[in-house]
């Protein structure tokens, strides 16, 4: 058994006679971080987040789906972590009850989604060289 750091995936495998391995991704979830020592923790993307909080962005679209807290949806979190390594997720609720989600990347890319109370869609703002959504 092994894990893939930065995801919710657990992989089990058995060694095959030819030196390879055969296995599967387990249904169980796990949350694992990269091993670290000392002061080598990567910095949070606070500067990117400061832009993403209320900046209009380069592109504004409408999603047919409501905001999802990615860190509570392990399948989505794992898929995004494998697709865009280094992506950081944040979520919150605004003063008016709107659900908010942000995706941030160290290259300056970000996306912000907002679902207002009573709605089942989201307005999505995006900016940067890589569109994380």
N, C-alpha and C. Protein backbone atom coordinates (compact mmCIF):
# COMPACT_ATOMS: atom_id res chain seq x y z
N UNK A 1 0.84 -1.17 0.00
CA UNK A 1 0.00 0.00 0.00
C UNK A 1 0.89 1.23 0.00
N UNK A 2 0.45 2.25 -0.73
CA UNK A 2 1.14 3.54 -0.72
C UNK A 2 0.10 4.64 -0.90
N UNK A 3 0.55 5.84 -0.74
CA UNK A 3 -0.32 7.00 -0.94
C UNK A 3 0.32 7.91 -1.96
N UNK A 4 -0.47 8.80 -2.48
CA UNK A 4 0.05 9.83 -3.37
C UNK A 4 -0.13 11.14 -2.62
N UNK A 5 0.98 11.73 -2.16
CA UNK A 5 0.93 12.93 -1.33
C UNK A 5 0.18 14.04 -2.05
N UNK A 6 -0.54 14.82 -1.27
CA UNK A 6 -1.29 15.94 -1.83
C UNK A 6 -2.61 15.52 -2.45
N UNK A 7 -3.00 14.26 -2.25
CA UNK A 7 -4.27 13.76 -2.77
C UNK A 7 -4.98 12.99 -1.66
N UNK A 8 -6.16 12.49 -1.96
CA UNK A 8 -6.88 11.62 -1.05
C UNK A 8 -6.81 10.17 -1.48
N UNK A 9 -5.86 9.84 -2.37
CA UNK A 9 -5.79 8.50 -2.95
C UNK A 9 -4.98 7.53 -2.11
N UNK A 10 -5.46 6.31 -2.02
CA UNK A 10 -4.72 5.19 -1.45
C UNK A 10 -4.60 4.14 -2.55
N UNK A 11 -3.36 3.73 -2.83
CA UNK A 11 -3.10 2.76 -3.88
C UNK A 11 -2.56 1.48 -3.24
N UNK A 12 -3.15 0.34 -3.59
CA UNK A 12 -2.61 -0.95 -3.14
C UNK A 12 -2.16 -1.72 -4.37
N UNK A 13 -1.07 -2.45 -4.22
CA UNK A 13 -0.54 -3.22 -5.35
C UNK A 13 0.23 -4.43 -4.83
N UNK A 14 0.28 -5.45 -5.65
CA UNK A 14 1.08 -6.64 -5.38
C UNK A 14 2.15 -6.74 -6.45
N UNK A 15 3.33 -7.15 -6.03
CA UNK A 15 4.43 -7.32 -6.97
C UNK A 15 4.13 -8.50 -7.87
N UNK A 16 4.39 -8.33 -9.16
CA UNK A 16 4.20 -9.41 -10.13
C UNK A 16 5.52 -10.14 -10.34
N UNK A 17 5.46 -11.33 -10.92
CA UNK A 17 6.67 -12.15 -11.14
C UNK A 17 7.70 -11.46 -12.02
N UNK A 18 7.25 -10.58 -12.91
CA UNK A 18 8.19 -9.91 -13.82
C UNK A 18 8.80 -8.65 -13.20
N UNK A 19 8.55 -8.39 -11.91
CA UNK A 19 9.14 -7.24 -11.24
C UNK A 19 8.25 -6.01 -11.24
N UNK A 20 7.14 -6.07 -11.94
CA UNK A 20 6.19 -4.96 -11.95
C UNK A 20 5.25 -5.04 -10.77
N UNK A 21 4.16 -4.36 -10.89
CA UNK A 21 3.14 -4.38 -9.84
C UNK A 21 1.77 -4.24 -10.48
N UNK A 22 0.79 -4.80 -9.82
CA UNK A 22 -0.59 -4.71 -10.28
C UNK A 22 -1.44 -4.37 -9.07
N UNK A 23 -2.30 -3.37 -9.22
CA UNK A 23 -3.12 -2.97 -8.08
C UNK A 23 -4.26 -2.07 -8.49
N UNK A 24 -4.73 -1.31 -7.52
CA UNK A 24 -5.87 -0.45 -7.78
C UNK A 24 -5.88 0.72 -6.81
N UNK A 25 -6.69 1.71 -7.15
CA UNK A 25 -6.97 2.81 -6.24
C UNK A 25 -8.12 2.36 -5.35
N UNK A 26 -7.92 2.42 -4.06
CA UNK A 26 -8.94 1.96 -3.11
C UNK A 26 -10.07 2.97 -2.97
N UNK A 27 -11.23 2.49 -2.59
CA UNK A 27 -12.37 3.37 -2.36
C UNK A 27 -12.16 4.20 -1.10
N UNK A 28 -11.46 3.64 -0.11
CA UNK A 28 -11.21 4.39 1.12
C UNK A 28 -10.44 5.66 0.80
N UNK A 29 -10.62 6.64 1.65
CA UNK A 29 -9.95 7.91 1.45
C UNK A 29 -8.83 8.06 2.48
N UNK A 30 -7.85 8.82 2.10
CA UNK A 30 -6.77 9.16 3.02
C UNK A 30 -6.28 10.55 2.67
N UNK A 31 -5.72 11.23 3.61
CA UNK A 31 -5.18 12.56 3.35
C UNK A 31 -3.74 12.57 3.83
N UNK A 32 -2.84 12.77 2.92
CA UNK A 32 -1.43 12.67 3.23
C UNK A 32 -0.69 13.87 2.66
N UNK A 33 0.31 14.32 3.38
CA UNK A 33 1.10 15.44 2.90
C UNK A 33 2.51 14.96 2.58
N UNK A 34 3.23 15.77 1.83
CA UNK A 34 4.60 15.47 1.47
C UNK A 34 5.48 15.52 2.73
N UNK A 35 6.41 14.57 2.90
CA UNK A 35 7.30 14.64 4.07
C UNK A 35 8.11 15.93 4.05
N UNK A 36 8.29 16.52 5.22
CA UNK A 36 9.03 17.78 5.32
C UNK A 36 9.92 17.74 6.55
N UNK A 37 10.95 18.56 6.51
CA UNK A 37 11.83 18.69 7.67
C UNK A 37 12.19 20.15 7.84
N UNK A 38 12.28 20.60 9.06
CA UNK A 38 12.72 21.96 9.32
C UNK A 38 11.77 23.01 8.79
N UNK A 39 12.35 24.03 8.18
CA UNK A 39 11.58 25.19 7.71
C UNK A 39 11.28 25.13 6.22
N UNK A 40 11.12 23.95 5.64
CA UNK A 40 10.93 23.86 4.19
C UNK A 40 9.47 23.82 3.77
N UNK A 41 8.54 24.23 4.63
CA UNK A 41 7.14 24.26 4.25
C UNK A 41 6.95 25.28 3.13
N UNK A 42 6.23 24.90 2.08
CA UNK A 42 6.02 25.87 1.00
C UNK A 42 5.15 27.02 1.50
N UNK A 43 5.40 28.23 1.00
CA UNK A 43 4.59 29.37 1.45
C UNK A 43 3.16 29.25 0.95
N UNK A 44 2.23 29.71 1.75
CA UNK A 44 0.84 29.75 1.30
C UNK A 44 0.75 30.78 0.18
N UNK A 45 -0.25 30.64 -0.63
CA UNK A 45 -0.40 31.53 -1.78
C UNK A 45 -1.23 32.76 -1.40
N UNK A 46 -0.82 33.44 -0.32
CA UNK A 46 -1.59 34.58 0.18
C UNK A 46 -1.62 35.75 -0.80
N UNK A 47 -0.53 36.00 -1.53
CA UNK A 47 -0.53 37.11 -2.50
C UNK A 47 -1.49 36.82 -3.65
N UNK A 48 -1.50 35.59 -4.13
CA UNK A 48 -2.44 35.21 -5.20
C UNK A 48 -3.87 35.30 -4.66
N UNK A 49 -4.07 34.84 -3.43
CA UNK A 49 -5.41 34.89 -2.82
C UNK A 49 -5.89 36.33 -2.69
N UNK A 50 -5.00 37.25 -2.33
CA UNK A 50 -5.39 38.66 -2.19
C UNK A 50 -5.95 39.21 -3.50
N UNK A 51 -5.41 38.78 -4.64
CA UNK A 51 -5.94 39.19 -5.94
C UNK A 51 -7.27 38.51 -6.22
N UNK A 52 -7.37 37.24 -5.86
CA UNK A 52 -8.54 36.44 -6.21
C UNK A 52 -9.77 36.77 -5.37
N UNK A 53 -9.59 37.40 -4.24
CA UNK A 53 -10.71 37.65 -3.33
C UNK A 53 -11.83 38.42 -4.01
N UNK A 54 -11.51 39.52 -4.69
CA UNK A 54 -12.59 40.31 -5.29
C UNK A 54 -12.26 40.91 -6.65
N UNK A 55 -11.13 40.55 -7.24
CA UNK A 55 -10.75 41.03 -8.57
C UNK A 55 -11.68 40.40 -9.61
N UNK A 56 -12.06 41.17 -10.62
CA UNK A 56 -12.98 40.63 -11.64
C UNK A 56 -12.36 39.50 -12.44
N UNK A 57 -11.05 39.58 -12.71
CA UNK A 57 -10.40 38.53 -13.50
C UNK A 57 -10.45 38.82 -14.98
N UNK A 58 -9.84 37.95 -15.76
CA UNK A 58 -9.78 38.10 -17.21
C UNK A 58 -10.98 37.47 -17.90
N UNK A 59 -11.63 36.55 -17.21
CA UNK A 59 -12.75 35.83 -17.81
C UNK A 59 -13.80 35.57 -16.73
N UNK A 60 -15.06 35.85 -17.06
CA UNK A 60 -16.16 35.59 -16.13
C UNK A 60 -17.17 34.71 -16.86
N UNK A 61 -17.50 33.57 -16.26
CA UNK A 61 -18.44 32.63 -16.87
C UNK A 61 -19.46 32.19 -15.82
N UNK A 62 -20.43 31.46 -16.28
CA UNK A 62 -21.47 30.91 -15.40
C UNK A 62 -21.37 29.39 -15.45
N UNK A 63 -21.28 28.76 -14.29
CA UNK A 63 -21.26 27.30 -14.20
C UNK A 63 -22.66 26.81 -13.91
N UNK A 64 -23.08 25.70 -14.52
CA UNK A 64 -24.40 25.15 -14.21
C UNK A 64 -24.43 24.43 -12.85
N UNK A 65 -23.28 24.37 -12.18
CA UNK A 65 -23.18 23.65 -10.92
C UNK A 65 -22.91 24.62 -9.77
N UNK A 66 -23.38 24.30 -8.57
CA UNK A 66 -23.10 25.16 -7.41
C UNK A 66 -21.66 24.99 -6.94
N UNK A 67 -21.22 25.91 -6.10
CA UNK A 67 -19.88 25.85 -5.53
C UNK A 67 -19.72 24.58 -4.70
N UNK A 68 -18.55 24.00 -4.82
CA UNK A 68 -18.20 22.78 -4.09
C UNK A 68 -16.97 23.09 -3.24
N UNK A 69 -16.97 22.67 -2.00
CA UNK A 69 -15.76 22.76 -1.19
C UNK A 69 -14.89 21.57 -1.59
N UNK A 70 -13.91 21.84 -2.44
CA UNK A 70 -13.09 20.78 -3.04
C UNK A 70 -12.41 19.92 -1.98
N UNK A 71 -11.98 20.51 -0.89
CA UNK A 71 -11.27 19.74 0.13
C UNK A 71 -12.19 18.76 0.86
N UNK A 72 -13.49 18.89 0.70
CA UNK A 72 -14.42 17.94 1.29
C UNK A 72 -14.94 16.93 0.26
N UNK A 73 -14.49 17.04 -0.97
CA UNK A 73 -14.87 16.12 -2.05
C UNK A 73 -13.59 15.44 -2.53
N UNK A 74 -13.20 14.36 -1.87
CA UNK A 74 -11.87 13.78 -2.10
C UNK A 74 -11.63 13.36 -3.54
N UNK A 75 -12.67 12.93 -4.25
CA UNK A 75 -12.47 12.52 -5.63
C UNK A 75 -12.07 13.71 -6.50
N UNK A 76 -12.76 14.83 -6.31
CA UNK A 76 -12.46 16.05 -7.09
C UNK A 76 -11.10 16.60 -6.67
N UNK A 77 -10.85 16.65 -5.37
CA UNK A 77 -9.58 17.15 -4.86
C UNK A 77 -8.41 16.34 -5.43
N UNK A 78 -8.52 15.02 -5.40
CA UNK A 78 -7.45 14.16 -5.91
C UNK A 78 -7.24 14.36 -7.41
N UNK A 79 -8.33 14.43 -8.17
CA UNK A 79 -8.23 14.62 -9.62
C UNK A 79 -7.55 15.95 -9.94
N UNK A 80 -7.95 17.02 -9.26
CA UNK A 80 -7.35 18.33 -9.52
C UNK A 80 -5.89 18.36 -9.09
N UNK A 81 -5.54 17.69 -7.99
CA UNK A 81 -4.15 17.66 -7.53
C UNK A 81 -3.24 16.92 -8.50
N UNK A 82 -3.77 15.88 -9.14
CA UNK A 82 -2.98 15.16 -10.15
C UNK A 82 -2.89 15.95 -11.45
N UNK A 83 -3.96 16.65 -11.81
CA UNK A 83 -4.01 17.41 -13.06
C UNK A 83 -3.19 18.69 -12.97
N UNK A 84 -3.28 19.38 -11.85
CA UNK A 84 -2.60 20.67 -11.65
C UNK A 84 -1.83 20.60 -10.33
N UNK A 85 -0.65 19.97 -10.31
CA UNK A 85 0.10 19.87 -9.06
C UNK A 85 0.39 21.26 -8.48
N UNK A 86 0.29 21.37 -7.18
CA UNK A 86 0.58 22.63 -6.52
C UNK A 86 -0.63 23.54 -6.34
N UNK A 87 -1.79 23.11 -6.81
CA UNK A 87 -2.99 23.93 -6.68
C UNK A 87 -3.40 23.98 -5.20
N UNK A 88 -3.83 25.16 -4.77
CA UNK A 88 -4.29 25.34 -3.39
C UNK A 88 -5.77 25.69 -3.43
N UNK A 89 -6.54 25.09 -2.55
CA UNK A 89 -7.99 25.31 -2.50
C UNK A 89 -8.35 26.02 -1.21
N UNK A 90 -9.27 26.97 -1.34
CA UNK A 90 -9.83 27.64 -0.16
C UNK A 90 -11.33 27.75 -0.36
N UNK A 91 -12.05 27.78 0.74
CA UNK A 91 -13.52 27.89 0.67
C UNK A 91 -14.00 28.74 1.83
N UNK A 92 -15.17 29.34 1.64
CA UNK A 92 -15.74 30.14 2.70
C UNK A 92 -17.17 30.54 2.39
N UNK A 93 -17.76 31.24 3.34
CA UNK A 93 -19.12 31.75 3.18
C UNK A 93 -19.06 33.25 3.42
N UNK A 94 -19.62 34.03 2.49
CA UNK A 94 -19.59 35.49 2.61
C UNK A 94 -20.65 35.96 3.60
N UNK A 95 -20.62 37.24 3.91
CA UNK A 95 -21.57 37.81 4.87
C UNK A 95 -23.02 37.62 4.46
N UNK A 96 -23.27 37.59 3.13
CA UNK A 96 -24.66 37.42 2.67
C UNK A 96 -25.07 35.95 2.54
N UNK A 97 -24.18 35.02 2.94
CA UNK A 97 -24.49 33.60 2.88
C UNK A 97 -24.07 32.91 1.59
N UNK A 98 -23.44 33.64 0.68
CA UNK A 98 -22.95 33.04 -0.57
C UNK A 98 -21.81 32.07 -0.26
N UNK A 99 -21.82 30.92 -0.94
CA UNK A 99 -20.72 29.97 -0.82
C UNK A 99 -19.63 30.35 -1.81
N UNK A 100 -18.40 30.40 -1.35
CA UNK A 100 -17.28 30.82 -2.17
C UNK A 100 -16.23 29.71 -2.21
N UNK A 101 -15.56 29.59 -3.35
CA UNK A 101 -14.44 28.66 -3.48
C UNK A 101 -13.37 29.32 -4.34
N UNK A 102 -12.12 29.10 -3.97
CA UNK A 102 -10.99 29.64 -4.71
C UNK A 102 -10.03 28.51 -5.05
N UNK A 103 -9.45 28.57 -6.25
CA UNK A 103 -8.35 27.70 -6.65
C UNK A 103 -7.19 28.63 -6.98
N UNK A 104 -6.04 28.37 -6.39
CA UNK A 104 -4.88 29.24 -6.53
C UNK A 104 -3.67 28.43 -6.98
N UNK A 105 -2.80 29.06 -7.77
CA UNK A 105 -1.58 28.38 -8.20
C UNK A 105 -0.42 29.36 -8.10
N UNK A 106 0.77 28.83 -7.82
CA UNK A 106 1.96 29.66 -7.62
C UNK A 106 2.34 30.48 -8.85
N UNK A 107 1.89 30.08 -10.05
CA UNK A 107 2.21 30.86 -11.25
C UNK A 107 1.33 32.11 -11.38
N UNK A 108 0.47 32.37 -10.39
CA UNK A 108 -0.39 33.55 -10.40
C UNK A 108 -1.79 33.27 -10.91
N UNK A 109 -2.04 32.08 -11.38
CA UNK A 109 -3.38 31.74 -11.86
C UNK A 109 -4.33 31.55 -10.68
N UNK A 110 -5.57 31.92 -10.89
CA UNK A 110 -6.58 31.70 -9.86
C UNK A 110 -7.96 31.62 -10.48
N UNK A 111 -8.87 31.03 -9.73
CA UNK A 111 -10.29 31.00 -10.09
C UNK A 111 -11.09 31.18 -8.81
N UNK A 112 -12.18 31.91 -8.92
CA UNK A 112 -13.09 32.12 -7.79
C UNK A 112 -14.50 31.81 -8.25
N UNK A 113 -15.21 31.02 -7.47
CA UNK A 113 -16.60 30.69 -7.80
C UNK A 113 -17.49 31.12 -6.64
N UNK A 114 -18.70 31.57 -6.98
CA UNK A 114 -19.64 32.04 -5.97
C UNK A 114 -21.04 31.53 -6.30
N UNK A 115 -21.67 30.90 -5.32
CA UNK A 115 -23.08 30.51 -5.43
C UNK A 115 -23.85 31.30 -4.38
N UNK A 116 -24.77 32.12 -4.85
CA UNK A 116 -25.56 32.96 -3.94
C UNK A 116 -26.66 32.12 -3.27
N UNK A 117 -27.14 32.56 -2.11
CA UNK A 117 -28.19 31.82 -1.41
C UNK A 117 -29.40 31.57 -2.32
N UNK A 118 -29.89 30.34 -2.31
CA UNK A 118 -31.06 29.98 -3.10
C UNK A 118 -30.76 29.62 -4.55
N UNK A 119 -29.53 29.82 -5.01
CA UNK A 119 -29.15 29.50 -6.39
C UNK A 119 -28.48 28.13 -6.44
N UNK A 120 -28.50 27.52 -7.62
CA UNK A 120 -27.84 26.24 -7.84
C UNK A 120 -26.78 26.33 -8.94
N UNK A 121 -26.40 27.55 -9.30
CA UNK A 121 -25.34 27.78 -10.29
C UNK A 121 -24.25 28.62 -9.62
N UNK A 122 -23.16 28.84 -10.33
CA UNK A 122 -22.07 29.64 -9.78
C UNK A 122 -21.54 30.60 -10.83
N UNK A 123 -21.15 31.77 -10.39
CA UNK A 123 -20.41 32.71 -11.23
C UNK A 123 -18.94 32.44 -10.98
N UNK A 124 -18.17 32.28 -12.07
CA UNK A 124 -16.76 31.92 -11.97
C UNK A 124 -15.91 33.01 -12.59
N UNK A 125 -14.95 33.52 -11.83
CA UNK A 125 -13.98 34.51 -12.30
C UNK A 125 -12.63 33.81 -12.38
N UNK A 126 -11.88 34.06 -13.48
CA UNK A 126 -10.58 33.40 -13.66
C UNK A 126 -9.55 34.41 -14.14
N UNK A 127 -8.29 34.15 -13.80
CA UNK A 127 -7.21 35.03 -14.22
C UNK A 127 -5.90 34.25 -14.20
N UNK A 128 -4.95 34.67 -15.02
CA UNK A 128 -3.62 34.09 -14.98
C UNK A 128 -3.29 33.23 -16.17
N UNK A 129 -2.02 32.81 -16.27
CA UNK A 129 -1.57 32.04 -17.43
C UNK A 129 -2.16 30.63 -17.51
N UNK A 130 -2.58 30.10 -16.39
CA UNK A 130 -3.18 28.76 -16.38
C UNK A 130 -4.56 28.91 -15.77
N UNK A 131 -5.55 28.46 -16.48
CA UNK A 131 -6.90 28.54 -15.93
C UNK A 131 -7.15 27.25 -15.16
N UNK A 132 -7.15 27.28 -13.79
CA UNK A 132 -7.28 26.05 -13.02
C UNK A 132 -8.65 25.43 -13.07
N UNK A 133 -9.63 26.10 -13.62
CA UNK A 133 -10.97 25.51 -13.70
C UNK A 133 -11.27 25.17 -15.14
